[in-house]
Structures are given as C-alpha cells and as structure tokens.
Amino acid sequence: MHENLNRGEKISVFSDRSFGMLLAFILLGIGVWGELSGLLGAWCFLLGFIFVFIIALIQPSILSPLSWAWMKLGLLLGRVGNPILLGLVFFLILVPMGVVRSLLSKDTFYLKFQSDLESYWIDRNPPGPKPGYMNKQY
C-alpha cells in the first residue's frame, strides 16, 4: 500500500467524570421515559442514575474501566460499521444509478468516441476569465 496506516496516534478520550455524567443522564432519560410509558423496572434505571451520578461526582476514577471498555466498543463498531455502511450506500444507491444511466445511454462526461468531431474541446459561452489571472495564487 502507498499509505502508512500504522501511525500510532494517541486517541484522546474524555475524562472519567464526563463519561460518568453522560452515562448517568442516559440512565435518567431511559428511566423517565420508562416511567412515563409505564414499563416495569424503569425504577432500576433511576436508581442507576443516582448511583452513577454520585460516583461521577465523588470518585470518577472508579468508572475508568467502564469508560475504557466503552471507547473500545466504539472503535470496534466504527471499524466494522463503516465498511458495511459504505458498501450498502455503494451497492444500493450508486450502482443502480449507474445501471439506469447506462441503460438510458447517458454519457455525462462525453467519454464515447465521436468520429465526426474535429475536437473534443468545448467552447465556453461567455468566455471564461482573462488569461493570467491566477499567476499569484498564494
């Protein structure tokens, strides 16, 4: 390959306290939604919110292993999910568009050989900018 993908860059992670607060408020949201929906056991999420919130305020280093595991899960999901998502976009959107354009004989880039032309040059009308206008780009 022409590109070095092993750069050894350090991934910056957020603090344990901010991770704890995020987790606590996610638990709070699930608990409130569950209580409003009448789901059984929604109070467990509210207790989890209180527990995680207090830990995040008093001793956030306790959440360090959980934060590390969450970050690794995110990296794994990104490594697996991105190729799948891009493959779906390619095969479900771009390939059918290309097939339809090919069936309709669309030649957007004028790539087909045309023996009756003297030149493939396309004149601009009106003409473009004056020659030499890009001499001092930087």
N, C-alpha and C. Protein backbone atom coordinates (compact mmCIF):
# COMPACT_ATOMS: atom_id res chain seq x y z
N MET A 1 0.83 -1.18 0.00
CA MET A 1 0.00 0.00 0.00
C MET A 1 0.88 1.25 0.00
N HIS A 2 0.37 2.30 -0.53
CA HIS A 2 1.13 3.55 -0.59
C HIS A 2 0.94 4.40 0.65
N GLU A 3 0.05 4.02 1.55
CA GLU A 3 -0.24 4.84 2.71
C GLU A 3 0.07 4.06 3.99
N ASN A 4 0.74 4.71 4.92
CA ASN A 4 1.05 4.09 6.19
C ASN A 4 -0.12 4.31 7.15
N LEU A 5 -0.82 3.23 7.46
CA LEU A 5 -1.98 3.33 8.33
C LEU A 5 -1.64 3.09 9.79
N ASN A 6 -0.40 2.72 10.08
CA ASN A 6 0.04 2.47 11.45
C ASN A 6 0.77 3.70 11.98
N ARG A 7 0.02 4.71 12.29
CA ARG A 7 0.63 5.96 12.73
C ARG A 7 0.89 5.97 14.23
N GLY A 8 0.21 5.13 14.96
CA GLY A 8 0.38 5.10 16.40
C GLY A 8 -0.13 6.36 17.08
N GLU A 9 -1.11 7.00 16.48
CA GLU A 9 -1.65 8.22 17.07
C GLU A 9 -2.42 7.88 18.34
N LYS A 10 -2.26 8.70 19.33
CA LYS A 10 -2.98 8.50 20.59
C LYS A 10 -4.39 9.05 20.43
N ILE A 11 -5.36 8.25 20.78
CA ILE A 11 -6.74 8.66 20.70
C ILE A 11 -7.10 9.39 21.99
N SER A 12 -7.58 10.60 21.84
CA SER A 12 -7.93 11.37 23.03
C SER A 12 -9.30 10.91 23.53
N VAL A 13 -9.35 10.56 24.80
CA VAL A 13 -10.60 10.14 25.40
C VAL A 13 -11.05 11.21 26.38
N PHE A 14 -12.32 11.25 26.63
CA PHE A 14 -12.85 12.23 27.56
C PHE A 14 -12.60 11.76 28.98
N SER A 15 -12.78 12.64 29.92
CA SER A 15 -12.49 12.33 31.32
C SER A 15 -13.50 11.34 31.88
N ASP A 16 -13.10 10.69 32.96
CA ASP A 16 -13.99 9.73 33.61
C ASP A 16 -15.22 10.42 34.18
N ARG A 17 -15.04 11.65 34.65
CA ARG A 17 -16.18 12.39 35.21
C ARG A 17 -17.20 12.70 34.12
N SER A 18 -16.74 13.16 32.95
CA SER A 18 -17.69 13.47 31.88
C SER A 18 -18.36 12.20 31.36
N PHE A 19 -17.60 11.09 31.31
CA PHE A 19 -18.21 9.82 30.93
C PHE A 19 -19.29 9.42 31.94
N GLY A 20 -18.99 9.58 33.23
CA GLY A 20 -19.95 9.24 34.27
C GLY A 20 -21.21 10.09 34.17
N MET A 21 -21.03 11.38 33.92
CA MET A 21 -22.20 12.26 33.79
C MET A 21 -23.04 11.87 32.57
N LEU A 22 -22.36 11.58 31.47
CA LEU A 22 -23.09 11.15 30.27
C LEU A 22 -23.88 9.88 30.54
N LEU A 23 -23.23 8.90 31.15
CA LEU A 23 -23.90 7.64 31.45
C LEU A 23 -25.06 7.87 32.42
N ALA A 24 -24.85 8.73 33.41
CA ALA A 24 -25.91 9.00 34.39
C ALA A 24 -27.13 9.62 33.71
N PHE A 25 -26.91 10.58 32.85
CA PHE A 25 -28.05 11.24 32.22
C PHE A 25 -28.72 10.36 31.17
N ILE A 26 -27.98 9.45 30.57
CA ILE A 26 -28.61 8.46 29.68
C ILE A 26 -29.52 7.55 30.51
N LEU A 27 -29.02 7.11 31.67
CA LEU A 27 -29.85 6.29 32.55
C LEU A 27 -31.08 7.06 33.04
N LEU A 28 -30.90 8.35 33.34
CA LEU A 28 -32.03 9.17 33.76
C LEU A 28 -33.08 9.27 32.65
N GLY A 29 -32.62 9.51 31.43
CA GLY A 29 -33.55 9.61 30.30
C GLY A 29 -34.32 8.33 30.07
N ILE A 30 -33.61 7.20 30.14
CA ILE A 30 -34.29 5.91 29.97
C ILE A 30 -35.28 5.66 31.10
N GLY A 31 -34.87 6.02 32.34
CA GLY A 31 -35.75 5.82 33.49
C GLY A 31 -37.00 6.67 33.42
N VAL A 32 -36.84 7.94 33.06
CA VAL A 32 -38.01 8.84 32.96
C VAL A 32 -38.92 8.37 31.84
N TRP A 33 -38.34 8.03 30.70
CA TRP A 33 -39.15 7.54 29.58
C TRP A 33 -39.89 6.26 29.96
N GLY A 34 -39.20 5.37 30.68
CA GLY A 34 -39.83 4.12 31.10
C GLY A 34 -40.96 4.35 32.08
N GLU A 35 -40.78 5.28 33.01
CA GLU A 35 -41.84 5.59 33.97
C GLU A 35 -43.05 6.21 33.28
N LEU A 36 -42.78 7.11 32.33
CA LEU A 36 -43.89 7.73 31.61
C LEU A 36 -44.62 6.74 30.71
N SER A 37 -43.89 5.73 30.22
CA SER A 37 -44.50 4.72 29.36
C SER A 37 -45.13 3.59 30.16
N GLY A 38 -44.87 3.56 31.46
CA GLY A 38 -45.43 2.51 32.30
C GLY A 38 -44.70 1.19 32.19
N LEU A 39 -43.41 1.21 31.84
CA LEU A 39 -42.64 -0.02 31.74
C LEU A 39 -42.25 -0.52 33.13
N LEU A 40 -42.29 -1.82 33.32
CA LEU A 40 -41.87 -2.40 34.59
C LEU A 40 -40.35 -2.33 34.70
N GLY A 41 -39.88 -2.01 35.87
CA GLY A 41 -38.44 -2.00 36.10
C GLY A 41 -37.76 -0.72 35.68
N ALA A 42 -38.52 0.30 35.33
CA ALA A 42 -37.89 1.57 34.94
C ALA A 42 -37.22 2.23 36.13
N TRP A 43 -37.68 1.91 37.33
CA TRP A 43 -37.08 2.48 38.54
C TRP A 43 -35.63 2.03 38.70
N CYS A 44 -35.27 0.88 38.10
CA CYS A 44 -33.87 0.41 38.17
C CYS A 44 -32.95 1.40 37.46
N PHE A 45 -33.42 1.96 36.35
CA PHE A 45 -32.61 2.94 35.63
C PHE A 45 -32.47 4.22 36.45
N LEU A 46 -33.53 4.59 37.17
CA LEU A 46 -33.45 5.78 38.01
C LEU A 46 -32.49 5.56 39.18
N LEU A 47 -32.48 4.37 39.76
CA LEU A 47 -31.51 4.05 40.80
C LEU A 47 -30.09 4.03 40.22
N GLY A 48 -29.96 3.50 39.01
CA GLY A 48 -28.66 3.51 38.34
C GLY A 48 -28.17 4.93 38.09
N PHE A 49 -29.10 5.82 37.74
CA PHE A 49 -28.74 7.23 37.56
C PHE A 49 -28.17 7.80 38.84
N ILE A 50 -28.86 7.59 39.96
CA ILE A 50 -28.40 8.14 41.24
C ILE A 50 -27.02 7.57 41.59
N PHE A 51 -26.86 6.27 41.43
CA PHE A 51 -25.60 5.59 41.76
C PHE A 51 -24.44 6.12 40.92
N VAL A 52 -24.62 6.15 39.60
CA VAL A 52 -23.55 6.60 38.69
C VAL A 52 -23.28 8.09 38.87
N PHE A 53 -24.31 8.89 39.10
CA PHE A 53 -24.14 10.32 39.29
C PHE A 53 -23.29 10.61 40.53
N ILE A 54 -23.57 9.92 41.62
CA ILE A 54 -22.80 10.12 42.85
C ILE A 54 -21.35 9.68 42.66
N ILE A 55 -21.15 8.54 42.01
CA ILE A 55 -19.78 8.07 41.75
C ILE A 55 -19.04 9.07 40.87
N ALA A 56 -19.71 9.61 39.82
CA ALA A 56 -19.06 10.57 38.92
C ALA A 56 -18.67 11.85 39.65
N LEU A 57 -19.44 12.23 40.65
CA LEU A 57 -19.12 13.44 41.41
C LEU A 57 -18.02 13.20 42.44
N ILE A 58 -18.08 12.08 43.14
CA ILE A 58 -17.17 11.85 44.26
C ILE A 58 -15.86 11.19 43.82
N GLN A 59 -15.92 10.06 43.12
CA GLN A 59 -14.72 9.31 42.75
C GLN A 59 -14.85 8.80 41.31
N PRO A 60 -14.63 9.68 40.31
CA PRO A 60 -14.84 9.26 38.92
C PRO A 60 -13.85 8.22 38.41
N SER A 61 -12.73 8.03 39.10
CA SER A 61 -11.75 7.04 38.64
C SER A 61 -12.30 5.62 38.72
N ILE A 62 -13.35 5.40 39.52
CA ILE A 62 -13.98 4.08 39.58
C ILE A 62 -14.57 3.71 38.22
N LEU A 63 -14.98 4.71 37.46
CA LEU A 63 -15.60 4.47 36.15
C LEU A 63 -14.59 4.29 35.02
N SER A 64 -13.30 4.35 35.34
CA SER A 64 -12.26 4.27 34.32
C SER A 64 -12.32 2.99 33.48
N PRO A 65 -12.45 1.79 34.08
CA PRO A 65 -12.54 0.58 33.25
C PRO A 65 -13.77 0.58 32.34
N LEU A 66 -14.88 1.08 32.85
CA LEU A 66 -16.10 1.14 32.04
C LEU A 66 -15.94 2.14 30.89
N SER A 67 -15.27 3.25 31.18
CA SER A 67 -15.01 4.24 30.14
C SER A 67 -14.09 3.67 29.06
N TRP A 68 -13.07 2.94 29.47
CA TRP A 68 -12.14 2.32 28.53
C TRP A 68 -12.87 1.29 27.66
N ALA A 69 -13.72 0.47 28.28
CA ALA A 69 -14.47 -0.54 27.52
C ALA A 69 -15.43 0.13 26.54
N TRP A 70 -16.05 1.24 26.95
CA TRP A 70 -16.97 1.97 26.08
C TRP A 70 -16.23 2.52 24.86
N MET A 71 -15.02 3.04 25.08
CA MET A 71 -14.23 3.59 23.97
C MET A 71 -13.81 2.48 23.01
N LYS A 72 -13.40 1.34 23.54
CA LYS A 72 -13.01 0.21 22.68
C LYS A 72 -14.20 -0.30 21.88
N LEU A 73 -15.38 -0.34 22.51
CA LEU A 73 -16.58 -0.76 21.79
C LEU A 73 -16.89 0.21 20.65
N GLY A 74 -16.74 1.50 20.91
CA GLY A 74 -16.97 2.49 19.86
C GLY A 74 -16.00 2.34 18.70
N LEU A 75 -14.73 2.08 19.01
CA LEU A 75 -13.74 1.87 17.94
C LEU A 75 -14.06 0.62 17.13
N LEU A 76 -14.46 -0.45 17.81
CA LEU A 76 -14.83 -1.69 17.12
C LEU A 76 -16.04 -1.48 16.23
N LEU A 77 -17.06 -0.79 16.76
CA LEU A 77 -18.25 -0.53 15.95
C LEU A 77 -17.91 0.33 14.73
N GLY A 78 -17.02 1.29 14.91
CA GLY A 78 -16.62 2.12 13.78
C GLY A 78 -15.85 1.33 12.73
N ARG A 79 -14.99 0.44 13.19
CA ARG A 79 -14.18 -0.36 12.25
C ARG A 79 -15.04 -1.36 11.48
N VAL A 80 -16.08 -1.88 12.12
CA VAL A 80 -16.96 -2.86 11.47
C VAL A 80 -18.08 -2.16 10.72
N GLY A 81 -18.66 -1.13 11.32
CA GLY A 81 -19.84 -0.50 10.75
C GLY A 81 -19.58 0.36 9.53
N ASN A 82 -18.45 1.08 9.51
CA ASN A 82 -18.18 1.96 8.37
C ASN A 82 -18.07 1.23 7.04
N PRO A 83 -17.31 0.14 6.94
CA PRO A 83 -17.28 -0.56 5.65
C PRO A 83 -18.64 -1.11 5.23
N ILE A 84 -19.41 -1.57 6.21
CA ILE A 84 -20.74 -2.10 5.88
C ILE A 84 -21.64 -0.98 5.37
N LEU A 85 -21.64 0.15 6.07
CA LEU A 85 -22.47 1.28 5.67
C LEU A 85 -22.05 1.81 4.30
N LEU A 86 -20.77 1.97 4.07
CA LEU A 86 -20.31 2.46 2.77
C LEU A 86 -20.60 1.46 1.66
N GLY A 87 -20.50 0.16 1.96
CA GLY A 87 -20.85 -0.86 0.97
C GLY A 87 -22.32 -0.80 0.60
N LEU A 88 -23.17 -0.62 1.62
CA LEU A 88 -24.61 -0.50 1.34
C LEU A 88 -24.92 0.73 0.49
N VAL A 89 -24.29 1.86 0.82
CA VAL A 89 -24.50 3.07 0.02
C VAL A 89 -24.07 2.83 -1.43
N PHE A 90 -22.92 2.18 -1.60
CA PHE A 90 -22.42 1.95 -2.96
C PHE A 90 -23.34 1.02 -3.74
N PHE A 91 -23.67 -0.13 -3.14
CA PHE A 91 -24.42 -1.13 -3.89
C PHE A 91 -25.91 -0.84 -3.98
N LEU A 92 -26.47 -0.05 -3.06
CA LEU A 92 -27.90 0.23 -3.10
C LEU A 92 -28.24 1.57 -3.75
N ILE A 93 -27.25 2.47 -3.87
CA ILE A 93 -27.52 3.79 -4.44
C ILE A 93 -26.71 4.02 -5.71
N LEU A 94 -25.40 3.92 -5.60
CA LEU A 94 -24.55 4.29 -6.74
C LEU A 94 -24.62 3.29 -7.89
N VAL A 95 -24.58 2.00 -7.60
CA VAL A 95 -24.63 1.01 -8.68
C VAL A 95 -25.95 1.07 -9.44
N PRO A 96 -27.12 1.11 -8.77
CA PRO A 96 -28.37 1.24 -9.54
C PRO A 96 -28.44 2.52 -10.37
N MET A 97 -27.91 3.62 -9.83
CA MET A 97 -27.91 4.86 -10.62
C MET A 97 -27.06 4.71 -11.87
N GLY A 98 -25.91 4.06 -11.73
CA GLY A 98 -25.05 3.84 -12.89
C GLY A 98 -25.69 2.93 -13.92
N VAL A 99 -26.37 1.90 -13.44
CA VAL A 99 -27.04 0.97 -14.37
C VAL A 99 -28.16 1.69 -15.12
N VAL A 100 -28.96 2.48 -14.41
CA VAL A 100 -30.05 3.20 -15.06
C VAL A 100 -29.50 4.20 -16.07
N ARG A 101 -28.46 4.93 -15.70
CA ARG A 101 -27.87 5.90 -16.64
C ARG A 101 -27.27 5.19 -17.85
N SER A 102 -26.70 4.02 -17.63
CA SER A 102 -26.15 3.26 -18.74
C SER A 102 -27.25 2.76 -19.67
N LEU A 103 -28.35 2.31 -19.08
CA LEU A 103 -29.48 1.83 -19.90
C LEU A 103 -30.13 2.97 -20.68
N LEU A 104 -30.11 4.18 -20.12
CA LEU A 104 -30.67 5.34 -20.81
C LEU A 104 -29.67 5.99 -21.77
N SER A 105 -28.49 5.39 -21.90
CA SER A 105 -27.42 5.87 -22.79
C SER A 105 -27.00 7.30 -22.45
N LYS A 106 -26.89 7.60 -21.18
CA LYS A 106 -26.42 8.92 -20.76
C LYS A 106 -24.90 8.90 -20.73
N ASP A 107 -24.28 9.86 -21.39
CA ASP A 107 -22.83 9.98 -21.42
C ASP A 107 -22.47 11.35 -20.85
N THR A 108 -22.54 11.47 -19.53
CA THR A 108 -22.36 12.76 -18.87
C THR A 108 -20.99 13.35 -19.11
N PHE A 109 -19.97 12.53 -19.12
CA PHE A 109 -18.60 13.01 -19.29
C PHE A 109 -18.13 12.98 -20.73
N TYR A 110 -19.00 12.67 -21.66
CA TYR A 110 -18.68 12.62 -23.09
C TYR A 110 -17.47 11.73 -23.34
N LEU A 111 -17.54 10.50 -22.88
CA LEU A 111 -16.42 9.57 -22.99
C LEU A 111 -16.48 8.73 -24.26
N LYS A 112 -17.63 8.69 -24.93
CA LYS A 112 -17.76 7.87 -26.12
C LYS A 112 -17.05 8.53 -27.30
N PHE A 113 -16.47 7.70 -28.13
CA PHE A 113 -15.75 8.20 -29.30
C PHE A 113 -16.75 8.74 -30.32
N GLN A 114 -16.44 9.95 -30.83
CA GLN A 114 -17.28 10.57 -31.84
C GLN A 114 -16.39 10.92 -33.04
N SER A 115 -16.52 10.12 -34.08
CA SER A 115 -15.63 10.27 -35.23
C SER A 115 -15.92 11.52 -36.04
N ASP A 116 -17.09 12.11 -35.94
CA ASP A 116 -17.44 13.27 -36.76
C ASP A 116 -16.92 14.59 -36.17
N LEU A 117 -16.33 14.57 -35.00
CA LEU A 117 -15.84 15.80 -34.37
C LEU A 117 -14.40 16.08 -34.75
N GLU A 118 -14.08 17.36 -34.93
CA GLU A 118 -12.69 17.75 -35.16
C GLU A 118 -11.93 17.78 -33.84
N SER A 119 -12.63 18.22 -32.77
CA SER A 119 -12.00 18.36 -31.47
C SER A 119 -13.06 18.11 -30.40
N TYR A 120 -12.59 17.62 -29.26
CA TYR A 120 -13.49 17.42 -28.13
C TYR A 120 -13.54 18.65 -27.23
N TRP A 121 -12.86 19.69 -27.60
CA TRP A 121 -12.83 20.93 -26.83
C TRP A 121 -14.22 21.55 -26.84
N ILE A 122 -14.68 22.01 -25.67
CA ILE A 122 -15.99 22.64 -25.57
C ILE A 122 -15.77 24.12 -25.33
N ASP A 123 -16.24 24.95 -26.25
CA ASP A 123 -16.09 26.40 -26.11
C ASP A 123 -17.01 26.92 -25.03
N ARG A 124 -16.48 27.85 -24.22
CA ARG A 124 -17.30 28.48 -23.18
C ARG A 124 -18.00 29.67 -23.77
N ASN A 125 -19.27 29.79 -23.42
CA ASN A 125 -20.01 30.95 -23.87
C ASN A 125 -20.83 31.46 -22.69
N PRO A 126 -20.51 32.55 -22.10
CA PRO A 126 -19.50 33.53 -22.42
C PRO A 126 -18.11 33.00 -22.06
N PRO A 127 -17.08 33.59 -22.62
CA PRO A 127 -15.72 33.11 -22.36
C PRO A 127 -15.37 33.27 -20.87
N GLY A 128 -14.43 32.48 -20.42
CA GLY A 128 -14.03 32.47 -19.02
C GLY A 128 -13.18 33.67 -18.65
N PRO A 129 -12.51 33.59 -17.52
CA PRO A 129 -11.69 34.71 -17.05
C PRO A 129 -10.51 34.97 -17.97
N LYS A 130 -9.93 36.17 -17.82
CA LYS A 130 -8.80 36.55 -18.66
C LYS A 130 -7.59 35.67 -18.37
N PRO A 131 -6.78 35.40 -19.39
CA PRO A 131 -5.57 34.59 -19.17
C PRO A 131 -4.63 35.28 -18.19
N GLY A 132 -4.01 34.52 -17.33
CA GLY A 132 -3.04 35.05 -16.39
C GLY A 132 -3.62 35.54 -15.09
N TYR A 133 -4.90 35.33 -14.84
CA TYR A 133 -5.50 35.85 -13.61
C TYR A 133 -5.10 35.02 -12.38
N MET A 134 -4.52 33.85 -12.58
CA MET A 134 -4.15 33.01 -11.45
C MET A 134 -2.63 32.95 -11.26
N ASN A 135 -1.91 33.99 -11.68
CA ASN A 135 -0.46 33.98 -11.54
C ASN A 135 0.00 34.03 -10.09
N LYS A 136 -0.71 34.76 -9.23
CA LYS A 136 -0.32 34.92 -7.84
C LYS A 136 -1.41 34.30 -6.94
N GLN A 137 -1.36 32.97 -6.84
CA GLN A 137 -2.39 32.28 -6.08
C GLN A 137 -2.17 32.36 -4.58
N TYR A 138 -0.90 32.48 -4.18
CA TYR A 138 -0.62 32.42 -2.74
C TYR A 138 -0.06 33.73 -2.25
